[in-house]
Amino acid sequence: MKAEMEEKIKFGVGGLVCGAIVAMIIGFGWGGWVTAGTNQKVSDTAVLASQAAICVAQYIKEPNNQEKLKEFAAIDSYKRSEFIEKGGWNKMPGQKEANNGVANACVEGLEVLIQK
């Protein structure tokens, strides 16, 4: 192979590598690309938020929700998630067991209602 051809190949490969690096920097920095781990975290957060909203809605749907809300407000803050779990509001329709963290997220949503 001629020396001239070797230089062209080296230059082309170098340009390809640099172009790939620049494309990744732009894609991850400004293009909205995310890794699988980041995507999973965002997805888990969104699911938890929607389940917390369902939990609060199920709590409010109770026939005596105002009394239950007063009872909830009277409970120590560290025992509130247990109260939600015992009431079963953290279980989503069709589920036998609630997902982790739903009761705590539901407590945060109900605490907002108490403050109003």
C-alpha atoms as a PDB file:
ATOM      1  CA  MET A   1       0.000   0.000   0.000  1.00  0.00           C
ATOM      2  CA  LYS A   2       1.269   3.429  -0.847  1.00  0.00           C
ATOM      3  CA  ALA A   3       2.184   5.872   1.902  1.00  0.00           C
ATOM      4  CA  GLU A   4      -0.294   8.347   0.458  1.00  0.00           C
ATOM      5  CA  MET A   5      -3.139   5.815   0.777  1.00  0.00           C
ATOM      6  CA  GLU A   6      -2.152   4.969   4.359  1.00  0.00           C
ATOM      7  CA  GLU A   7      -2.364   8.659   5.304  1.00  0.00           C
ATOM      8  CA  LYS A   8      -5.811   8.958   3.729  1.00  0.00           C
ATOM      9  CA  ILE A   9      -7.030   5.905   5.661  1.00  0.00           C
ATOM     10  CA  LYS A  10      -5.587   7.196   8.940  1.00  0.00           C
ATOM     11  CA  PHE A  11      -7.165  10.612   8.321  1.00  0.00           C
ATOM     12  CA  GLY A  12     -10.522   9.015   7.448  1.00  0.00           C
ATOM     13  CA  VAL A  13     -10.565   6.758  10.519  1.00  0.00           C
ATOM     14  CA  GLY A  14      -9.535   9.699  12.727  1.00  0.00           C
ATOM     15  CA  GLY A  15     -12.353  11.794  11.278  1.00  0.00           C
ATOM     16  CA  LEU A  16     -14.811   8.953  11.823  1.00  0.00           C
ATOM     17  CA  VAL A  17     -13.805   8.565  15.481  1.00  0.00           C
ATOM     18  CA  CYS A  18     -13.876  12.315  16.134  1.00  0.00           C
ATOM     19  CA  GLY A  19     -17.234  12.626  14.399  1.00  0.00           C
ATOM     20  CA  ALA A  20     -18.685   9.823  16.517  1.00  0.00           C
ATOM     21  CA  ILE A  21     -17.414  11.476  19.705  1.00  0.00           C
ATOM     22  CA  VAL A  22     -18.863  14.850  18.698  1.00  0.00           C
ATOM     23  CA  ALA A  23     -22.178  13.230  17.806  1.00  0.00           C
ATOM     24  CA  MET A  24     -22.349  11.518  21.225  1.00  0.00           C
ATOM     25  CA  ILE A  25     -21.489  14.738  23.059  1.00  0.00           C
ATOM     26  CA  ILE A  26     -24.187  16.638  21.212  1.00  0.00           C
ATOM     27  CA  GLY A  27     -26.704  13.814  21.541  1.00  0.00           C
ATOM     28  CA  PHE A  28     -26.280  13.265  25.273  1.00  0.00           C
ATOM     29  CA  GLY A  29     -25.669  16.924  26.112  1.00  0.00           C
ATOM     30  CA  TRP A  30     -28.335  18.670  24.073  1.00  0.00           C
ATOM     31  CA  GLY A  31     -30.163  16.043  22.051  1.00  0.00           C
ATOM     32  CA  GLY A  32     -32.032  14.387  24.896  1.00  0.00           C
ATOM     33  CA  TRP A  33     -30.320  11.030  24.650  1.00  0.00           C
ATOM     34  CA  VAL A  34     -30.268   9.098  27.923  1.00  0.00           C
ATOM     35  CA  THR A  35     -28.763   5.858  29.106  1.00  0.00           C
ATOM     36  CA  ALA A  36     -30.917   2.858  29.952  1.00  0.00           C
ATOM     37  CA  GLY A  37     -30.351   3.453  33.670  1.00  0.00           C
ATOM     38  CA  THR A  38     -31.523   7.056  33.474  1.00  0.00           C
ATOM     39  CA  ASN A  39     -34.509   6.017  31.408  1.00  0.00           C
ATOM     40  CA  GLN A  40     -35.454   3.388  33.999  1.00  0.00           C
ATOM     41  CA  LYS A  41     -35.239   5.928  36.848  1.00  0.00           C
ATOM     42  CA  VAL A  42     -37.463   8.385  34.992  1.00  0.00           C
ATOM     43  CA  SER A  43     -39.937   5.628  34.186  1.00  0.00           C
ATOM     44  CA  ASP A  44     -40.026   4.388  37.794  1.00  0.00           C
ATOM     45  CA  THR A  45     -40.610   7.927  39.060  1.00  0.00           C
ATOM     46  CA  ALA A  46     -43.484   8.448  36.627  1.00  0.00           C
ATOM     47  CA  VAL A  47     -45.115   5.148  37.584  1.00  0.00           C
ATOM     48  CA  LEU A  48     -44.789   5.943  41.288  1.00  0.00           C
ATOM     49  CA  ALA A  49     -46.328   9.381  40.779  1.00  0.00           C
ATOM     50  CA  SER A  50     -49.302   7.952  38.908  1.00  0.00           C
ATOM     51  CA  GLN A  51     -49.813   5.232  41.513  1.00  0.00           C
ATOM     52  CA  ALA A  52     -49.649   7.829  44.300  1.00  0.00           C
ATOM     53  CA  ALA A  53     -52.339   9.834  42.529  1.00  0.00           C
ATOM     54  CA  ILE A  54     -54.515   6.719  42.278  1.00  0.00           C
ATOM     55  CA  CYS A  55     -53.909   6.025  45.976  1.00  0.00           C
ATOM     56  CA  VAL A  56     -55.041   9.536  46.931  1.00  0.00           C
ATOM     57  CA  ALA A  57     -58.095   9.197  44.671  1.00  0.00           C
ATOM     58  CA  GLN A  58     -59.010   5.863  46.273  1.00  0.00           C
ATOM     59  CA  TYR A  59     -58.643   7.453  49.715  1.00  0.00           C
ATOM     60  CA  ILE A  60     -60.855  10.391  48.773  1.00  0.00           C
ATOM     61  CA  LYS A  61     -63.424   8.062  47.194  1.00  0.00           C
ATOM     62  CA  GLU A  62     -64.141   6.534  50.617  1.00  0.00           C
ATOM     63  CA  PRO A  63     -67.665   7.366  51.852  1.00  0.00           C
ATOM     64  CA  ASN A  64     -66.376   8.904  55.095  1.00  0.00           C
ATOM     65  CA  ASN A  65     -63.265  10.514  53.652  1.00  0.00           C
ATOM     66  CA  GLN A  66     -63.434  13.692  55.756  1.00  0.00           C
ATOM     67  CA  GLU A  67     -63.373  11.690  58.993  1.00  0.00           C
ATOM     68  CA  LYS A  68     -60.576   9.519  57.604  1.00  0.00           C
ATOM     69  CA  LEU A  69     -58.644  12.630  56.618  1.00  0.00           C
ATOM     70  CA  LYS A  70     -58.961  13.995  60.169  1.00  0.00           C
ATOM     71  CA  GLU A  71     -57.859  10.625  61.518  1.00  0.00           C
ATOM     72  CA  PHE A  72     -54.912  10.674  59.106  1.00  0.00           C
ATOM     73  CA  ALA A  73     -53.924  14.164  60.240  1.00  0.00           C
ATOM     74  CA  ALA A  74     -53.943  13.076  63.892  1.00  0.00           C
ATOM     75  CA  ILE A  75     -51.527  10.188  63.267  1.00  0.00           C
ATOM     76  CA  ASP A  76     -47.793  10.706  63.823  1.00  0.00           C
ATOM     77  CA  SER A  77     -46.040  11.338  60.518  1.00  0.00           C
ATOM     78  CA  TYR A  78     -43.870   8.225  60.767  1.00  0.00           C
ATOM     79  CA  LYS A  79     -46.963   6.009  61.150  1.00  0.00           C
ATOM     80  CA  ARG A  80     -48.984   7.467  58.281  1.00  0.00           C
ATOM     81  CA  SER A  81     -47.685   5.064  55.639  1.00  0.00           C
ATOM     82  CA  GLU A  82     -48.731   2.139  57.857  1.00  0.00           C
ATOM     83  CA  PHE A  83     -52.215   3.678  58.070  1.00  0.00           C
ATOM     84  CA  ILE A  84     -52.369   3.825  54.254  1.00  0.00           C
ATOM     85  CA  GLU A  85     -51.161   0.223  53.964  1.00  0.00           C
ATOM     86  CA  LYS A  86     -53.710  -1.039  56.508  1.00  0.00           C
ATOM     87  CA  GLY A  87     -56.487   0.761  54.644  1.00  0.00           C
ATOM     88  CA  GLY A  88     -55.372  -0.845  51.387  1.00  0.00           C
ATOM     89  CA  TRP A  89     -55.416   2.426  49.449  1.00  0.00           C
ATOM     90  CA  ASN A  90     -51.874   1.876  48.193  1.00  0.00           C
ATOM     91  CA  LYS A  91     -52.913  -1.214  46.231  1.00  0.00           C
ATOM     92  CA  MET A  92     -53.721  -0.542  42.642  1.00  0.00           C
ATOM     93  CA  PRO A  93     -56.899  -1.997  41.162  1.00  0.00           C
ATOM     94  CA  GLY A  94     -56.201  -5.588  40.187  1.00  0.00           C
ATOM     95  CA  GLN A  95     -53.077  -5.940  42.326  1.00  0.00           C
ATOM     96  CA  LYS A  96     -52.768  -8.306  45.253  1.00  0.00           C
ATOM     97  CA  GLU A  97     -49.814  -6.441  46.773  1.00  0.00           C
ATOM     98  CA  ALA A  98     -48.770  -2.827  46.571  1.00  0.00           C
ATOM     99  CA  ASN A  99     -45.515  -1.713  44.999  1.00  0.00           C
ATOM    100  CA  ASN A 100     -42.760  -0.354  47.210  1.00  0.00           C
ATOM    101  CA  GLY A 101     -42.953   3.328  47.986  1.00  0.00           C
ATOM    102  CA  VAL A 102     -46.568   3.865  46.965  1.00  0.00           C
ATOM    103  CA  ALA A 103     -47.731   4.344  50.561  1.00  0.00           C
ATOM    104  CA  ASN A 104     -45.030   6.958  51.225  1.00  0.00           C
ATOM    105  CA  ALA A 105     -45.849   8.830  48.036  1.00  0.00           C
ATOM    106  CA  CYS A 106     -49.549   8.635  48.896  1.00  0.00           C
ATOM    107  CA  VAL A 107     -48.820  10.105  52.326  1.00  0.00           C
ATOM    108  CA  GLU A 108     -47.125  13.070  50.652  1.00  0.00           C
ATOM    109  CA  GLY A 109     -50.189  13.612  48.473  1.00  0.00           C
ATOM    110  CA  LEU A 110     -52.575  13.420  51.409  1.00  0.00           C
ATOM    111  CA  GLU A 111     -50.429  15.808  53.441  1.00  0.00           C
ATOM    112  CA  VAL A 112     -50.967  18.380  50.702  1.00  0.00           C
ATOM    113  CA  LEU A 113     -54.727  17.947  51.170  1.00  0.00           C
ATOM    114  CA  ILE A 114     -54.404  18.440  54.915  1.00  0.00           C
ATOM    115  CA  GLN A 115     -52.581  21.741  54.457  1.00  0.00           C
ATOM    116  CA  LYS A 116     -55.349  23.209  52.311  1.00  0.00           C
END
